[in-house]
Amino acid sequence: MKLYYAPGTCSLAPHISLIEAGKSFHIEKVDIKTKKFSDGGDYLQVNPKGSVPALVMENGEVLTEGVAILQYIADLAPEKHLAPPAGTLERYRLQEWLNFITTEIHKNFSVLFNADRYVAQPEGNEQLKNAIKQNLKARFALVARHMKEPFLMGDHFTVADAYLFTVLRWTKPFTLDLNEWPALAAHFARVRDRASVKAALQAESPRP
């Protein structure tokens, strides 16, 4: 398998999950602005959407969209309990969390990262950012209230934990302090210390 990724993006979540699943795979870096590989190749030939992640599956087909990729990875290694079995209520609870993370947290961060695309004037830009931060704080509070321990859904680390950790990393550049929500801060630290997370971050770190 091959995972197409860009450092600092949501592609970190499937990278972590592939390591957790114990599967053999390669990674290829994408310049998300130019849609090019380091050798000049065109990423749009792989994924016409131009976004990461994209995963070349074991059968050679390309799967896109992070939430779909995460569940595919989990189902490759059911013994790792990265997702509850398909068809169970707990699986739908996982999908509930994945959809909340992608629509209510990830997408709000997307606006923060691209605020100048939405508002031309500096004053409006700051107003937009402040409004989005308030939206995020409300979402963080909800996750903190409903989070189980030690992980989002209870005893087992799941792909939802990998995704939540990935988007929570984006709080730092926007001075959102996770300590305001102790449950979130504890979850972030717990996931950060996993061997899979350290390995994925190391693999994606800039090389001289």
Protein backbone atom coordinates (compact mmCIF):
# COMPACT_ATOMS: atom_id res chain seq x y z
CA MET A 1 0.00 0.00 0.00
CA LYS A 2 1.01 3.60 -0.48
CA LEU A 3 -0.17 6.59 1.53
CA TYR A 4 0.02 10.03 -0.05
CA TYR A 5 0.51 12.65 2.63
CA ALA A 6 1.46 16.25 3.32
CA PRO A 7 3.11 17.24 6.61
CA GLY A 8 0.85 19.04 9.05
CA THR A 9 -2.37 17.85 7.44
CA CYS A 10 -5.07 15.33 8.32
CA SER A 11 -3.12 12.62 6.46
CA LEU A 12 -1.28 12.08 9.74
CA ALA A 13 -4.32 10.17 11.07
CA PRO A 14 -4.21 7.33 8.51
CA HIS A 15 -0.41 7.28 8.80
CA ILE A 16 -0.73 6.61 12.53
CA SER A 17 -3.48 4.09 11.90
CA LEU A 18 -1.47 2.11 9.35
CA ILE A 19 1.33 1.76 11.88
CA GLU A 20 -1.16 0.73 14.57
CA ALA A 21 -2.59 -1.87 12.17
CA GLY A 22 0.87 -3.33 11.62
CA LYS A 23 0.54 -3.16 7.85
CA SER A 24 3.35 -2.78 5.32
CA PHE A 25 3.09 0.48 3.40
CA HIS A 26 5.06 3.28 1.79
CA ILE A 27 4.49 7.01 2.06
CA GLU A 28 4.87 9.64 -0.63
CA LYS A 29 4.93 13.34 0.12
CA VAL A 30 2.71 15.73 -1.81
CA ASP A 31 3.21 19.48 -2.13
CA ILE A 32 -0.36 20.40 -1.33
CA LYS A 33 -0.07 23.83 -2.97
CA THR A 34 1.40 22.77 -6.31
CA LYS A 35 -0.15 19.25 -6.31
CA LYS A 36 3.26 17.89 -7.28
CA PHE A 37 5.65 15.24 -6.00
CA SER A 38 9.33 15.93 -5.33
CA ASP A 39 10.20 14.53 -8.77
CA GLY A 40 7.70 16.84 -10.47
CA GLY A 41 5.02 14.20 -10.92
CA ASP A 42 1.38 15.26 -10.95
CA TYR A 43 -0.59 14.25 -7.86
CA LEU A 44 -3.84 15.08 -9.65
CA GLN A 45 -3.26 11.99 -11.75
CA VAL A 46 -3.56 9.97 -8.53
CA ASN A 47 -6.31 11.95 -6.85
CA PRO A 48 -8.16 14.46 -9.05
CA LYS A 49 -9.56 16.09 -5.89
CA GLY A 50 -6.04 17.27 -5.09
CA SER A 51 -6.41 16.72 -1.36
CA VAL A 52 -4.62 14.35 0.99
CA PRO A 53 -4.78 11.66 2.15
CA ALA A 54 -5.09 9.18 -0.65
CA LEU A 55 -4.35 5.49 -0.20
CA VAL A 56 -3.39 3.00 -2.87
CA MET A 57 -5.06 -0.12 -1.52
CA GLU A 58 -3.75 -3.67 -1.69
CA ASN A 59 -5.79 -4.31 -4.86
CA GLY A 60 -4.23 -1.27 -6.56
CA GLU A 61 -7.31 0.95 -6.38
CA VAL A 62 -7.07 4.44 -4.90
CA LEU A 63 -9.22 5.37 -1.93
CA THR A 64 -9.71 9.01 -0.94
CA GLU A 65 -11.36 10.90 1.94
CA GLY A 66 -9.84 10.50 5.37
CA VAL A 67 -12.86 9.05 7.18
CA ALA A 68 -13.25 6.30 4.55
CA ILE A 69 -9.52 5.55 4.59
CA LEU A 70 -9.43 5.30 8.37
CA GLN A 71 -12.21 2.72 8.44
CA TYR A 72 -10.64 0.75 5.61
CA ILE A 73 -7.37 0.56 7.55
CA ALA A 74 -9.18 -0.50 10.71
CA ASP A 75 -10.94 -3.31 8.87
CA LEU A 76 -7.63 -4.63 7.55
CA ALA A 77 -6.65 -5.57 11.09
CA PRO A 78 -9.79 -6.35 13.13
CA GLU A 79 -7.68 -7.95 15.84
CA LYS A 80 -6.21 -4.51 16.63
CA HIS A 81 -9.67 -3.15 17.57
CA LEU A 82 -9.06 0.11 15.70
CA ALA A 83 -12.79 0.11 14.93
CA PRO A 84 -15.70 -1.93 16.31
CA PRO A 85 -17.06 -4.65 14.00
CA ALA A 86 -19.14 -3.47 11.05
CA GLY A 87 -22.88 -3.57 11.65
CA THR A 88 -22.66 -3.08 15.42
CA LEU A 89 -24.02 -0.08 17.27
CA GLU A 90 -20.50 0.70 18.45
CA ARG A 91 -19.36 0.94 14.81
CA TYR A 92 -22.02 3.55 14.22
CA ARG A 93 -20.83 5.36 17.34
CA LEU A 94 -17.35 5.41 15.81
CA GLN A 95 -18.78 6.83 12.58
CA GLU A 96 -20.65 9.37 14.66
CA TRP A 97 -17.38 10.59 16.17
CA LEU A 98 -15.50 10.52 12.88
CA ASN A 99 -18.18 12.61 11.21
CA PHE A 100 -18.27 15.07 14.10
CA ILE A 101 -14.50 15.49 14.00
CA THR A 102 -14.43 16.02 10.24
CA THR A 103 -17.40 18.40 9.98
CA GLU A 104 -17.34 20.27 13.28
CA ILE A 105 -13.64 20.45 14.16
CA HIS A 106 -11.58 19.81 11.03
CA LYS A 107 -13.69 22.09 8.82
CA ASN A 108 -13.63 24.92 11.35
CA PHE A 109 -9.85 24.72 11.41
CA SER A 110 -9.88 24.80 7.60
CA VAL A 111 -11.52 28.22 7.78
CA LEU A 112 -8.91 29.44 10.27
CA PHE A 113 -6.07 28.33 8.04
CA ASN A 114 -7.64 30.05 5.03
CA ALA A 115 -9.36 33.06 6.60
CA ASP A 116 -7.90 35.48 4.06
CA ARG A 117 -9.79 33.66 1.30
CA TYR A 118 -13.10 34.51 2.92
CA VAL A 119 -12.52 38.08 4.13
CA ALA A 120 -10.36 40.63 2.35
CA GLN A 121 -10.17 43.26 5.09
CA PRO A 122 -7.86 42.69 8.10
CA GLU A 123 -10.58 43.68 10.57
CA GLY A 124 -13.03 41.21 9.11
CA ASN A 125 -10.34 38.57 9.02
CA GLU A 126 -9.79 38.84 12.77
CA GLN A 127 -13.52 38.87 13.45
CA LEU A 128 -13.91 35.70 11.44
CA LYS A 129 -11.03 34.01 13.24
CA ASN A 130 -12.44 34.93 16.64
CA ALA A 131 -15.86 33.59 15.68
CA ILE A 132 -14.39 30.32 14.47
CA LYS A 133 -12.33 29.96 17.65
CA GLN A 134 -15.51 30.31 19.68
CA ASN A 135 -17.13 27.62 17.53
CA LEU A 136 -14.16 25.34 18.14
CA LYS A 137 -14.23 25.95 21.88
CA ALA A 138 -17.86 24.86 22.00
CA ARG A 139 -17.00 21.69 20.07
CA PHE A 140 -14.03 20.97 22.33
CA ALA A 141 -16.25 21.31 25.39
CA LEU A 142 -18.73 18.83 23.92
CA VAL A 143 -16.03 16.26 23.14
CA ALA A 144 -14.55 16.68 26.62
CA ARG A 145 -17.95 16.07 28.24
CA HIS A 146 -18.63 12.89 26.30
CA MET A 147 -15.12 11.44 26.09
CA LYS A 148 -14.56 8.10 27.76
CA GLU A 149 -11.24 6.97 29.22
CA PRO A 150 -8.54 6.20 28.44
CA PHE A 151 -9.60 6.83 24.83
CA LEU A 152 -12.47 8.51 23.03
CA MET A 153 -14.66 5.40 22.98
CA GLY A 154 -13.28 3.61 26.02
CA ASP A 155 -10.58 1.00 26.54
CA HIS A 156 -9.35 0.64 22.96
CA PHE A 157 -7.43 3.14 20.85
CA THR A 158 -9.38 3.61 17.62
CA VAL A 159 -8.94 5.48 14.37
CA ALA A 160 -11.11 8.22 15.88
CA ASP A 161 -8.39 8.84 18.46
CA ALA A 162 -5.82 9.18 15.68
CA TYR A 163 -8.03 11.70 13.90
CA LEU A 164 -8.87 13.68 17.03
CA PHE A 165 -5.19 13.90 17.97
CA THR A 166 -4.35 15.11 14.46
CA VAL A 167 -6.81 17.99 14.48
CA LEU A 168 -5.99 18.95 18.07
CA ARG A 169 -2.39 19.52 16.98
CA TRP A 170 -3.69 22.53 15.07
CA THR A 171 -4.66 24.34 18.27
CA LYS A 172 -1.09 25.50 18.84
CA PRO A 173 -0.71 27.98 15.95
CA PHE A 174 -4.02 29.58 16.93
CA THR A 175 -3.24 29.84 20.67
CA LEU A 176 -6.09 27.60 21.72
CA ASP A 177 -5.05 26.12 25.07
CA LEU A 178 -6.22 22.53 25.53
CA ASN A 179 -5.70 22.84 29.27
CA GLU A 180 -9.04 24.63 29.33
CA TRP A 181 -10.49 21.14 28.77
CA PRO A 182 -8.48 18.76 31.01
CA ALA A 183 -10.01 15.64 29.43
CA LEU A 184 -8.89 16.78 25.98
CA ALA A 185 -5.43 17.74 27.21
CA ALA A 186 -5.01 14.34 28.87
CA HIS A 187 -6.19 12.53 25.74
CA PHE A 188 -3.81 14.52 23.56
CA ALA A 189 -0.86 13.70 25.81
CA ARG A 190 -1.81 10.04 26.02
CA VAL A 191 -2.03 9.65 22.24
CA ARG A 192 1.11 11.72 21.64
CA ASP A 193 3.10 9.21 23.69
CA ARG A 194 2.09 6.21 21.59
CA ALA A 195 4.90 4.59 19.59
CA SER A 196 2.84 4.78 16.39
CA VAL A 197 2.40 8.53 16.74
CA LYS A 198 6.06 9.14 17.40
CA ALA A 199 7.01 6.99 14.39
CA ALA A 200 4.57 8.75 12.05
CA LEU A 201 5.70 12.21 13.12
CA GLN A 202 9.33 11.22 12.72
CA ALA A 203 8.70 9.84 9.23
CA GLU A 204 6.92 13.03 8.19
CA SER A 205 9.44 15.44 9.73
CA PRO A 206 11.41 17.58 7.27
CA ARG A 207 14.69 16.01 6.26
CA PRO A 208 17.84 18.00 5.43
